[in-house]
Amino acid sequence: QVQLVESGGGLVQPGGSLRRSCAASGSIFRFATMAWYRQAPGKQRELVASISGSGTTNYVDSAKGRFAISRDNAKTTVYLQMNSLKPEDTAVYYCNKLSRPQWSWGQGTQVTVSS
């Protein structure tokens, strides 16, 4: 079973930036389309961005132009660079593979955008 460990959360002011990392155990990582998800208080977990094993990326409309997903297969790590952050980006962020059944969810990390 692949284990996922997210890091890089924190408190940032509106307009600021954060870079998230997610380290995965297991070589199967390089074949998986990976994704970042987020869950805001009182809301369901939602997809934010995804990246295939070959590097093709997709974003939800709210993330386009502001977020950038990338991966390093040698390090079995996926990243999310978040720029121009808005208060509505406040959520717990998780990574996992895009397709189901997904791996066990990590603990996620809190991102709070507030002045």
C-alpha atoms as a PDB file:
ATOM      1  CA  GLN A   1       0.000   0.000   0.000  1.00  0.00           C
ATOM      2  CA  VAL A   2       1.341   3.407  -0.972  1.00  0.00           C
ATOM      3  CA  GLN A   3       1.745   5.918   1.825  1.00  0.00           C
ATOM      4  CA  LEU A   4       1.301   9.629   1.172  1.00  0.00           C
ATOM      5  CA  VAL A   5       2.827  12.383   3.289  1.00  0.00           C
ATOM      6  CA  GLU A   6       1.865  15.978   2.534  1.00  0.00           C
ATOM      7  CA  SER A   7       3.821  18.990   3.701  1.00  0.00           C
ATOM      8  CA  GLY A   8       4.082  22.704   3.080  1.00  0.00           C
ATOM      9  CA  GLY A   9       0.888  24.095   4.536  1.00  0.00           C
ATOM     10  CA  GLY A  10       0.551  27.195   6.619  1.00  0.00           C
ATOM     11  CA  LEU A  11      -0.911  30.653   7.008  1.00  0.00           C
ATOM     12  CA  VAL A  12      -0.502  33.130   4.170  1.00  0.00           C
ATOM     13  CA  GLN A  13      -1.957  36.515   3.332  1.00  0.00           C
ATOM     14  CA  PRO A  14      -4.214  37.003   0.328  1.00  0.00           C
ATOM     15  CA  GLY A  15      -2.097  37.301  -2.786  1.00  0.00           C
ATOM     16  CA  GLY A  16       0.676  35.230  -1.287  1.00  0.00           C
ATOM     17  CA  SER A  17       2.183  31.936  -2.394  1.00  0.00           C
ATOM     18  CA  LEU A  18       2.781  28.482  -0.969  1.00  0.00           C
ATOM     19  CA  ARG A  19       4.392  25.367  -2.324  1.00  0.00           C
ATOM     20  CA  ARG A  20       2.987  22.024  -1.317  1.00  0.00           C
ATOM     21  CA  SER A  21       4.790  18.715  -1.465  1.00  0.00           C
ATOM     22  CA  CYS A  22       3.526  15.183  -1.291  1.00  0.00           C
ATOM     23  CA  ALA A  23       5.932  12.297  -0.954  1.00  0.00           C
ATOM     24  CA  ALA A  24       4.724   8.834  -1.920  1.00  0.00           C
ATOM     25  CA  SER A  25       6.247   5.504  -1.042  1.00  0.00           C
ATOM     26  CA  GLY A  26       6.516   2.891  -3.752  1.00  0.00           C
ATOM     27  CA  SER A  27       7.737   2.825  -7.336  1.00  0.00           C
ATOM     28  CA  ILE A  28       4.176   2.493  -8.645  1.00  0.00           C
ATOM     29  CA  PHE A  29       3.996   6.256  -8.193  1.00  0.00           C
ATOM     30  CA  ARG A  30       5.612   6.907 -11.560  1.00  0.00           C
ATOM     31  CA  PHE A  31       2.770   5.180 -13.411  1.00  0.00           C
ATOM     32  CA  ALA A  32      -0.043   6.943 -11.596  1.00  0.00           C
ATOM     33  CA  THR A  33      -1.814  10.117 -12.566  1.00  0.00           C
ATOM     34  CA  MET A  34      -1.479  12.102  -9.373  1.00  0.00           C
ATOM     35  CA  ALA A  35      -3.801  14.800  -8.114  1.00  0.00           C
ATOM     36  CA  TRP A  36      -4.199  17.420  -5.446  1.00  0.00           C
ATOM     37  CA  TYR A  37      -7.500  17.698  -3.638  1.00  0.00           C
ATOM     38  CA  ARG A  38      -8.787  20.056  -1.002  1.00  0.00           C
ATOM     39  CA  GLN A  39     -11.548  20.080   1.557  1.00  0.00           C
ATOM     40  CA  ALA A  40     -12.857  23.314   2.982  1.00  0.00           C
ATOM     41  CA  PRO A  41     -14.793  23.370   6.265  1.00  0.00           C
ATOM     42  CA  GLY A  42     -18.289  22.031   5.769  1.00  0.00           C
ATOM     43  CA  LYS A  43     -17.651  21.065   2.149  1.00  0.00           C
ATOM     44  CA  GLN A  44     -16.848  17.897   0.280  1.00  0.00           C
ATOM     45  CA  ARG A  45     -13.361  17.114  -0.876  1.00  0.00           C
ATOM     46  CA  GLU A  46     -12.784  18.458  -4.366  1.00  0.00           C
ATOM     47  CA  LEU A  47     -10.223  17.946  -7.087  1.00  0.00           C
ATOM     48  CA  VAL A  48      -7.856  20.855  -7.699  1.00  0.00           C
ATOM     49  CA  ALA A  49      -5.304  19.646 -10.240  1.00  0.00           C
ATOM     50  CA  SER A  50      -3.881  16.481 -11.744  1.00  0.00           C
ATOM     51  CA  ILE A  51      -0.734  15.398 -13.554  1.00  0.00           C
ATOM     52  CA  SER A  52      -0.147  12.235 -15.546  1.00  0.00           C
ATOM     53  CA  GLY A  53       2.976  10.139 -15.347  1.00  0.00           C
ATOM     54  CA  SER A  54       4.227  11.846 -18.498  1.00  0.00           C
ATOM     55  CA  GLY A  55       3.462  15.334 -17.202  1.00  0.00           C
ATOM     56  CA  THR A  56       0.120  16.253 -18.748  1.00  0.00           C
ATOM     57  CA  THR A  57      -1.673  18.611 -16.378  1.00  0.00           C
ATOM     58  CA  ASN A  58      -5.276  19.566 -15.766  1.00  0.00           C
ATOM     59  CA  TYR A  59      -6.783  22.143 -13.440  1.00  0.00           C
ATOM     60  CA  VAL A  60     -10.200  23.073 -12.188  1.00  0.00           C
ATOM     61  CA  ASP A  61     -11.297  26.514 -13.316  1.00  0.00           C
ATOM     62  CA  SER A  62     -10.623  28.119  -9.931  1.00  0.00           C
ATOM     63  CA  ALA A  63      -6.977  26.999 -10.056  1.00  0.00           C
ATOM     64  CA  LYS A  64      -6.159  27.838 -13.669  1.00  0.00           C
ATOM     65  CA  GLY A  65      -3.526  30.528 -14.000  1.00  0.00           C
ATOM     66  CA  ARG A  66      -2.761  30.506 -10.279  1.00  0.00           C
ATOM     67  CA  PHE A  67      -1.708  26.964  -9.375  1.00  0.00           C
ATOM     68  CA  ALA A  68       0.912  24.737 -10.972  1.00  0.00           C
ATOM     69  CA  ILE A  69       1.179  21.009 -10.376  1.00  0.00           C
ATOM     70  CA  SER A  70       4.424  19.176 -11.066  1.00  0.00           C
ATOM     71  CA  ARG A  71       6.095  15.913 -10.181  1.00  0.00           C
ATOM     72  CA  ASP A  72       9.499  14.342  -9.744  1.00  0.00           C
ATOM     73  CA  ASN A  73       9.219  10.634 -10.429  1.00  0.00           C
ATOM     74  CA  ALA A  74      12.752   9.971  -9.208  1.00  0.00           C
ATOM     75  CA  LYS A  75      11.784  11.406  -5.831  1.00  0.00           C
ATOM     76  CA  THR A  76       8.229   9.996  -6.007  1.00  0.00           C
ATOM     77  CA  THR A  77       6.978  13.440  -5.079  1.00  0.00           C
ATOM     78  CA  VAL A  78       4.246  15.645  -6.469  1.00  0.00           C
ATOM     79  CA  TYR A  79       4.157  19.399  -5.912  1.00  0.00           C
ATOM     80  CA  LEU A  80       1.571  22.140  -5.996  1.00  0.00           C
ATOM     81  CA  GLN A  81       2.741  25.720  -6.388  1.00  0.00           C
ATOM     82  CA  MET A  82      -0.053  28.016  -5.329  1.00  0.00           C
ATOM     83  CA  ASN A  83       0.138  31.694  -6.250  1.00  0.00           C
ATOM     84  CA  SER A  84      -2.226  34.634  -5.888  1.00  0.00           C
ATOM     85  CA  LEU A  85      -3.943  32.860  -3.035  1.00  0.00           C
ATOM     86  CA  LYS A  86      -7.442  33.859  -2.057  1.00  0.00           C
ATOM     87  CA  PRO A  87      -9.373  33.346   1.188  1.00  0.00           C
ATOM     88  CA  GLU A  88     -11.549  30.812  -0.634  1.00  0.00           C
ATOM     89  CA  ASP A  89      -8.449  28.648  -1.114  1.00  0.00           C
ATOM     90  CA  THR A  90      -8.476  27.973   2.626  1.00  0.00           C
ATOM     91  CA  ALA A  91      -8.787  24.218   3.072  1.00  0.00           C
ATOM     92  CA  VAL A  92      -6.984  21.046   4.018  1.00  0.00           C
ATOM     93  CA  TYR A  93      -5.006  19.895   0.999  1.00  0.00           C
ATOM     94  CA  TYR A  94      -4.401  16.254   0.140  1.00  0.00           C
ATOM     95  CA  CYS A  95      -2.697  14.384  -2.629  1.00  0.00           C
ATOM     96  CA  ASN A  96      -3.670  11.007  -4.051  1.00  0.00           C
ATOM     97  CA  LYS A  97      -3.865   9.308  -7.371  1.00  0.00           C
ATOM     98  CA  LEU A  98      -6.670  10.442  -9.625  1.00  0.00           C
ATOM     99  CA  SER A  99      -8.212   7.094 -10.446  1.00  0.00           C
ATOM    100  CA  ARG A 100     -10.195   4.924  -8.092  1.00  0.00           C
ATOM    101  CA  PRO A 101      -9.686   2.961  -6.006  1.00  0.00           C
ATOM    102  CA  GLN A 102      -7.402   5.537  -4.473  1.00  0.00           C
ATOM    103  CA  TRP A 103      -4.631   4.889  -2.018  1.00  0.00           C
ATOM    104  CA  SER A 104      -5.117   5.520   1.672  1.00  0.00           C
ATOM    105  CA  TRP A 105      -5.412   9.253   2.305  1.00  0.00           C
ATOM    106  CA  GLY A 106      -2.643  11.042   4.141  1.00  0.00           C
ATOM    107  CA  GLN A 107      -3.271  13.438   6.959  1.00  0.00           C
ATOM    108  CA  GLY A 108      -3.376  16.457   4.660  1.00  0.00           C
ATOM    109  CA  THR A 109      -2.081  19.875   5.557  1.00  0.00           C
ATOM    110  CA  GLN A 110      -3.979  23.020   6.368  1.00  0.00           C
ATOM    111  CA  VAL A 111      -3.677  26.069   4.157  1.00  0.00           C
ATOM    112  CA  THR A 112      -5.202  29.219   5.587  1.00  0.00           C
ATOM    113  CA  VAL A 113      -5.413  32.385   3.523  1.00  0.00           C
ATOM    114  CA  SER A 114      -6.201  35.321   5.731  1.00  0.00           C
ATOM    115  CA  SER A 115      -5.061  38.831   6.442  1.00  0.00           C
END
